[in-house]
N, C-alpha and C. Protein backbone atom coordinates (compact mmCIF):
# COMPACT_ATOMS: atom_id res chain seq x y z
N MET A 1 68.88 110.88 32.71
CA MET A 1 69.59 110.42 31.52
C MET A 1 69.83 111.61 30.58
N ALA A 2 71.00 111.65 30.04
CA ALA A 2 71.38 112.74 29.14
C ALA A 2 70.57 112.68 27.84
N SER A 3 70.24 113.86 27.32
CA SER A 3 69.53 113.91 26.04
C SER A 3 70.49 113.54 24.91
N VAL A 4 69.91 113.23 23.75
CA VAL A 4 70.73 112.92 22.59
C VAL A 4 71.62 114.12 22.24
N PHE A 5 71.13 115.34 22.47
CA PHE A 5 71.94 116.52 22.17
C PHE A 5 73.13 116.63 23.12
N THR A 6 72.92 116.31 24.39
CA THR A 6 74.03 116.33 25.34
C THR A 6 75.07 115.28 24.95
N LEU A 7 74.61 114.12 24.53
CA LEU A 7 75.54 113.07 24.10
C LEU A 7 76.35 113.51 22.89
N ILE A 8 75.72 114.25 21.98
CA ILE A 8 76.45 114.78 20.82
C ILE A 8 77.47 115.81 21.29
N MET A 9 77.06 116.71 22.18
CA MET A 9 77.99 117.74 22.68
C MET A 9 79.17 117.13 23.42
N GLU A 10 78.94 116.00 24.09
CA GLU A 10 80.01 115.32 24.83
C GLU A 10 80.86 114.43 23.93
N GLY A 11 80.52 114.34 22.65
CA GLY A 11 81.28 113.52 21.72
C GLY A 11 80.98 112.04 21.78
N LYS A 12 79.92 111.65 22.49
CA LYS A 12 79.56 110.24 22.61
C LYS A 12 78.77 109.75 21.40
N ILE A 13 78.17 110.69 20.70
CA ILE A 13 77.45 110.42 19.45
C ILE A 13 77.97 111.44 18.45
N PRO A 14 78.24 111.03 17.22
CA PRO A 14 78.74 112.01 16.24
C PRO A 14 77.70 113.08 15.91
N GLY A 15 78.20 114.26 15.61
CA GLY A 15 77.34 115.36 15.20
C GLY A 15 78.06 116.24 14.19
N ASN A 16 77.30 116.91 13.37
CA ASN A 16 77.85 117.82 12.37
C ASN A 16 77.68 119.24 12.88
N PHE A 17 78.70 119.72 13.59
CA PHE A 17 78.66 121.03 14.23
C PHE A 17 78.92 122.14 13.22
N VAL A 18 78.16 123.21 13.34
CA VAL A 18 78.42 124.39 12.52
C VAL A 18 78.81 125.58 13.39
N TYR A 19 78.56 125.49 14.72
CA TYR A 19 78.86 126.59 15.62
C TYR A 19 78.96 126.03 17.04
N GLU A 20 79.87 126.61 17.84
CA GLU A 20 80.00 126.24 19.26
C GLU A 20 80.49 127.43 20.05
N ASP A 21 79.95 127.61 21.25
CA ASP A 21 80.51 128.52 22.24
C ASP A 21 80.21 127.94 23.62
N ASP A 22 80.46 128.69 24.67
CA ASP A 22 80.26 128.17 26.03
C ASP A 22 78.80 127.95 26.40
N ILE A 23 77.88 128.59 25.68
CA ILE A 23 76.46 128.55 26.04
C ILE A 23 75.64 127.69 25.08
N ALA A 24 76.05 127.64 23.81
CA ALA A 24 75.23 126.98 22.80
C ALA A 24 76.07 126.30 21.74
N VAL A 25 75.41 125.38 21.03
CA VAL A 25 75.99 124.76 19.85
C VAL A 25 74.95 124.80 18.75
N ALA A 26 75.39 124.62 17.53
CA ALA A 26 74.49 124.46 16.40
C ALA A 26 74.98 123.28 15.59
N ILE A 27 74.05 122.38 15.29
CA ILE A 27 74.38 121.18 14.53
C ILE A 27 73.35 121.00 13.41
N LEU A 28 73.72 120.19 12.44
CA LEU A 28 72.75 119.81 11.42
C LEU A 28 71.93 118.65 11.95
N THR A 29 70.64 118.67 11.69
CA THR A 29 69.82 117.54 12.05
C THR A 29 70.06 116.40 11.05
N ILE A 30 69.94 115.18 11.53
CA ILE A 30 70.16 114.03 10.64
C ILE A 30 68.91 113.75 9.80
N GLN A 31 67.80 114.42 10.13
CA GLN A 31 66.57 114.29 9.36
C GLN A 31 66.09 115.67 8.92
N PRO A 32 66.81 116.27 7.98
CA PRO A 32 66.44 117.63 7.57
C PRO A 32 65.15 117.68 6.76
N ILE A 33 64.45 118.78 6.94
CA ILE A 33 63.29 119.06 6.09
C ILE A 33 63.81 119.52 4.73
N ARG A 34 64.84 120.38 4.76
CA ARG A 34 65.54 120.83 3.55
C ARG A 34 67.02 120.89 3.87
N GLU A 35 67.84 120.87 2.83
CA GLU A 35 69.28 120.98 3.05
C GLU A 35 69.57 122.25 3.83
N GLY A 36 70.46 122.13 4.82
CA GLY A 36 70.85 123.27 5.64
C GLY A 36 70.06 123.38 6.92
N HIS A 37 69.15 122.47 7.21
CA HIS A 37 68.33 122.50 8.42
C HIS A 37 69.23 122.36 9.65
N VAL A 38 69.31 123.45 10.41
CA VAL A 38 70.21 123.56 11.56
C VAL A 38 69.40 123.57 12.87
N LEU A 39 69.99 122.98 13.91
CA LEU A 39 69.42 123.05 15.25
C LEU A 39 70.36 123.87 16.12
N VAL A 40 69.83 124.89 16.79
CA VAL A 40 70.60 125.71 17.73
C VAL A 40 70.16 125.26 19.12
N ILE A 41 71.13 124.83 19.93
CA ILE A 41 70.83 124.13 21.18
C ILE A 41 71.63 124.72 22.34
N PRO A 42 70.98 124.99 23.47
CA PRO A 42 71.77 125.42 24.63
C PRO A 42 72.53 124.22 25.20
N ARG A 43 73.68 124.48 25.76
CA ARG A 43 74.42 123.39 26.41
C ARG A 43 73.66 122.87 27.63
N ALA A 44 72.98 123.75 28.34
CA ALA A 44 72.19 123.35 29.50
C ALA A 44 70.98 122.55 29.04
N GLU A 45 70.74 121.44 29.68
CA GLU A 45 69.57 120.61 29.36
C GLU A 45 68.34 121.20 30.01
N VAL A 46 67.59 121.96 29.22
CA VAL A 46 66.33 122.54 29.68
C VAL A 46 65.28 122.09 28.68
N ASP A 47 64.24 121.43 29.17
CA ASP A 47 63.23 120.84 28.29
C ASP A 47 62.47 121.90 27.51
N GLN A 48 61.85 122.84 28.16
CA GLN A 48 61.02 123.83 27.50
C GLN A 48 61.74 125.17 27.37
N TRP A 49 61.71 125.76 26.18
CA TRP A 49 62.45 127.00 25.93
C TRP A 49 62.00 128.10 26.87
N SER A 50 60.74 128.10 27.28
CA SER A 50 60.25 129.16 28.17
C SER A 50 60.79 129.02 29.59
N ASP A 51 61.45 127.91 29.89
CA ASP A 51 62.09 127.73 31.19
C ASP A 51 63.57 128.12 31.17
N LEU A 52 64.09 128.48 30.01
CA LEU A 52 65.49 128.92 29.92
C LEU A 52 65.66 130.23 30.67
N PRO A 53 66.84 130.46 31.26
CA PRO A 53 67.13 131.80 31.77
C PRO A 53 67.05 132.79 30.60
N ALA A 54 66.56 133.98 30.84
CA ALA A 54 66.35 134.96 29.78
C ALA A 54 67.63 135.26 29.00
N ASP A 55 68.77 135.29 29.70
CA ASP A 55 70.02 135.59 28.99
C ASP A 55 70.41 134.44 28.06
N THR A 56 70.11 133.22 28.41
CA THR A 56 70.39 132.08 27.53
C THR A 56 69.46 132.11 26.32
N ALA A 57 68.19 132.41 26.54
CA ALA A 57 67.24 132.51 25.43
C ALA A 57 67.68 133.61 24.46
N ALA A 58 68.12 134.74 25.00
CA ALA A 58 68.59 135.85 24.15
C ALA A 58 69.84 135.43 23.37
N HIS A 59 70.72 134.69 24.01
CA HIS A 59 71.93 134.23 23.34
C HIS A 59 71.58 133.28 22.19
N LEU A 60 70.63 132.38 22.41
CA LEU A 60 70.22 131.47 21.35
C LEU A 60 69.67 132.24 20.16
N MET A 61 68.95 133.32 20.43
CA MET A 61 68.42 134.15 19.34
C MET A 61 69.56 134.82 18.58
N LYS A 62 70.57 135.32 19.29
CA LYS A 62 71.72 135.95 18.61
C LYS A 62 72.46 134.95 17.73
N VAL A 63 72.67 133.76 18.26
CA VAL A 63 73.34 132.71 17.49
C VAL A 63 72.51 132.33 16.27
N SER A 64 71.21 132.18 16.47
CA SER A 64 70.30 131.84 15.36
C SER A 64 70.33 132.91 14.29
N HIS A 65 70.36 134.16 14.69
CA HIS A 65 70.40 135.29 13.76
C HIS A 65 71.67 135.23 12.91
N LYS A 66 72.79 135.00 13.56
CA LYS A 66 74.08 134.93 12.86
C LYS A 66 74.08 133.77 11.85
N ILE A 67 73.62 132.62 12.29
CA ILE A 67 73.63 131.44 11.41
C ILE A 67 72.63 131.62 10.26
N ALA A 68 71.45 132.14 10.55
CA ALA A 68 70.45 132.35 9.51
C ALA A 68 70.97 133.28 8.42
N ASN A 69 71.67 134.32 8.80
CA ASN A 69 72.22 135.23 7.80
C ASN A 69 73.28 134.55 6.95
N ALA A 70 74.06 133.67 7.54
CA ALA A 70 75.04 132.90 6.76
C ALA A 70 74.32 131.93 5.82
N MET A 71 73.26 131.30 6.31
CA MET A 71 72.51 130.33 5.51
C MET A 71 71.88 130.98 4.28
N LYS A 72 71.44 132.22 4.41
CA LYS A 72 70.79 132.90 3.28
C LYS A 72 71.72 132.99 2.07
N SER A 73 73.02 133.09 2.32
CA SER A 73 73.97 133.19 1.21
C SER A 73 74.28 131.83 0.59
N LEU A 74 73.86 130.75 1.22
CA LEU A 74 74.22 129.40 0.77
C LEU A 74 73.10 128.61 0.12
N PHE A 75 71.89 128.82 0.60
CA PHE A 75 70.77 127.99 0.18
C PHE A 75 69.71 128.85 -0.50
N PRO A 76 69.40 128.56 -1.76
CA PRO A 76 68.37 129.34 -2.45
C PRO A 76 67.03 129.18 -1.71
N CYS A 77 66.49 130.28 -1.23
CA CYS A 77 65.23 130.24 -0.49
C CYS A 77 64.68 131.66 -0.35
N THR A 78 63.42 131.76 0.00
CA THR A 78 62.78 133.04 0.22
C THR A 78 63.20 133.63 1.55
N ARG A 79 63.33 132.76 2.54
CA ARG A 79 63.76 133.18 3.88
C ARG A 79 64.21 131.97 4.68
N ILE A 80 64.79 132.25 5.85
CA ILE A 80 65.15 131.18 6.78
C ILE A 80 64.07 131.16 7.86
N GLY A 81 63.35 130.06 7.92
CA GLY A 81 62.30 129.92 8.93
C GLY A 81 62.89 129.50 10.26
N MET A 82 62.20 129.89 11.32
CA MET A 82 62.62 129.52 12.68
C MET A 82 61.43 128.89 13.38
N MET A 83 61.72 127.80 14.10
CA MET A 83 60.65 127.11 14.79
C MET A 83 61.21 126.47 16.07
N ILE A 84 60.41 126.54 17.11
CA ILE A 84 60.71 125.81 18.35
C ILE A 84 59.53 124.88 18.58
N ALA A 85 59.73 123.61 18.31
CA ALA A 85 58.65 122.64 18.49
C ALA A 85 58.80 121.95 19.85
N GLY A 86 59.92 121.27 20.02
CA GLY A 86 60.27 120.75 21.34
C GLY A 86 59.62 119.47 21.78
N LEU A 87 58.92 118.78 20.93
CA LEU A 87 58.30 117.53 21.37
C LEU A 87 59.16 116.30 21.09
N GLU A 88 60.04 116.39 20.09
CA GLU A 88 60.79 115.21 19.69
C GLU A 88 61.98 114.90 20.60
N VAL A 89 62.60 115.90 21.20
CA VAL A 89 63.72 115.71 22.13
C VAL A 89 63.49 116.65 23.32
N PRO A 90 63.51 116.14 24.55
CA PRO A 90 63.25 117.00 25.71
C PRO A 90 64.47 117.85 26.10
N HIS A 91 64.95 118.63 25.14
CA HIS A 91 66.10 119.52 25.35
C HIS A 91 65.85 120.66 24.35
N THR A 92 65.68 121.87 24.85
CA THR A 92 65.35 123.01 24.00
C THR A 92 66.23 123.04 22.76
N HIS A 93 65.60 123.33 21.62
CA HIS A 93 66.36 123.52 20.38
C HIS A 93 65.53 124.32 19.39
N ILE A 94 66.22 125.16 18.67
CA ILE A 94 65.62 126.01 17.65
C ILE A 94 65.94 125.41 16.28
N HIS A 95 64.92 125.26 15.46
CA HIS A 95 65.10 124.79 14.09
C HIS A 95 65.26 126.00 13.18
N LEU A 96 66.29 126.01 12.35
CA LEU A 96 66.47 127.01 11.31
C LEU A 96 66.39 126.26 9.98
N VAL A 97 65.42 126.65 9.15
CA VAL A 97 65.16 125.89 7.92
C VAL A 97 65.03 126.84 6.73
N PRO A 98 65.83 126.63 5.67
CA PRO A 98 65.61 127.39 4.44
C PRO A 98 64.19 127.09 3.94
N MET A 99 63.44 128.15 3.59
CA MET A 99 62.05 127.91 3.20
C MET A 99 61.58 128.83 2.09
N ASP A 100 60.62 128.32 1.33
CA ASP A 100 59.95 129.10 0.30
C ASP A 100 58.45 129.13 0.55
N SER A 101 57.95 128.22 1.39
CA SER A 101 56.53 128.19 1.73
C SER A 101 56.39 127.59 3.13
N MET A 102 55.20 127.69 3.69
CA MET A 102 54.96 127.14 5.01
C MET A 102 55.15 125.62 5.03
N ASP A 103 54.95 124.97 3.88
CA ASP A 103 55.17 123.52 3.81
C ASP A 103 56.60 123.15 4.15
N ASP A 104 57.52 124.08 3.92
CA ASP A 104 58.93 123.81 4.19
C ASP A 104 59.23 123.74 5.69
N LEU A 105 58.23 123.96 6.52
CA LEU A 105 58.41 123.80 7.96
C LEU A 105 57.69 122.56 8.48
N SER A 106 57.21 121.72 7.57
CA SER A 106 56.49 120.51 7.96
C SER A 106 57.45 119.34 8.14
N PHE A 107 57.39 118.73 9.30
CA PHE A 107 58.24 117.56 9.56
C PHE A 107 57.83 116.37 8.70
N ALA A 108 56.68 116.44 8.04
CA ALA A 108 56.28 115.37 7.13
C ALA A 108 57.27 115.23 5.98
N PHE A 109 58.03 116.30 5.70
CA PHE A 109 59.01 116.27 4.60
C PHE A 109 60.43 115.95 5.08
N ALA A 110 60.60 115.72 6.36
CA ALA A 110 61.93 115.38 6.89
C ALA A 110 62.31 113.98 6.42
N LYS A 111 63.58 113.84 6.05
CA LYS A 111 64.06 112.52 5.65
C LYS A 111 65.52 112.36 6.09
N ASN A 112 65.92 111.13 6.27
CA ASN A 112 67.30 110.86 6.68
C ASN A 112 68.27 111.35 5.62
N ALA A 113 69.33 112.00 6.08
CA ALA A 113 70.36 112.51 5.17
C ALA A 113 71.58 111.59 5.22
N GLU A 114 72.31 111.57 4.12
CA GLU A 114 73.55 110.81 4.06
C GLU A 114 74.64 111.53 4.86
N GLY A 115 75.47 110.79 5.54
CA GLY A 115 76.54 111.35 6.36
C GLY A 115 77.47 112.28 5.61
N GLU A 116 77.86 111.89 4.40
CA GLU A 116 78.77 112.72 3.60
C GLU A 116 78.10 114.03 3.20
N ASP A 117 76.82 113.97 2.87
CA ASP A 117 76.08 115.19 2.52
C ASP A 117 76.03 116.15 3.71
N LEU A 118 75.79 115.60 4.90
CA LEU A 118 75.75 116.44 6.10
C LEU A 118 77.11 117.08 6.36
N LYS A 119 78.18 116.32 6.19
CA LYS A 119 79.52 116.86 6.39
C LYS A 119 79.80 118.02 5.45
N LYS A 120 79.42 117.87 4.18
CA LYS A 120 79.64 118.92 3.19
C LYS A 120 78.81 120.16 3.51
N THR A 121 77.57 119.96 3.91
CA THR A 121 76.71 121.09 4.26
C THR A 121 77.24 121.81 5.49
N ALA A 122 77.67 121.05 6.49
CA ALA A 122 78.23 121.67 7.71
C ALA A 122 79.45 122.51 7.37
N GLU A 123 80.31 122.00 6.51
CA GLU A 123 81.51 122.76 6.12
C GLU A 123 81.14 124.05 5.41
N LYS A 124 80.14 124.00 4.54
CA LYS A 124 79.69 125.21 3.84
C LYS A 124 79.22 126.27 4.84
N ILE A 125 78.44 125.85 5.82
CA ILE A 125 77.92 126.80 6.81
C ILE A 125 79.06 127.34 7.67
N ARG A 126 79.94 126.44 8.13
CA ARG A 126 81.09 126.92 8.95
C ARG A 126 81.91 127.93 8.17
N SER A 127 82.15 127.68 6.90
CA SER A 127 82.94 128.61 6.07
C SER A 127 82.23 129.95 5.95
N ALA A 128 80.93 129.93 5.78
CA ALA A 128 80.17 131.19 5.66
C ALA A 128 80.15 131.97 6.96
N LEU A 129 80.29 131.27 8.08
CA LEU A 129 80.31 131.94 9.39
C LEU A 129 81.65 132.56 9.72
N SER A 130 82.73 132.06 9.08
CA SER A 130 84.06 132.58 9.43
C SER A 130 84.48 133.76 8.60
């Protein structure tokens, strides 16, 4: 069965895309810890990041680097945190989260976001990337 991320990439479930190429996509999570919380996801359905081909893992890091630098100009924060947890969806994904403290990486603070808010945030990030 396809993961929720694959369904989003196939257009079967809506997603707020901020980046796409042949290897990876980046979308906003619907339950952000903080505004701007982005997921960088390989198109290939691989459960654990350590099972990714090395070139795909390197590509995800390059994409994450590019997006994080764009995010720094948009969201007031000390830094952009990066995390690979991988328990909630069995499809590798990197979390990029604007943060000021380690608490800003706690999923205890994640909450459902409004669709319009996600659309506006996605547009801001896409604009900063172009």
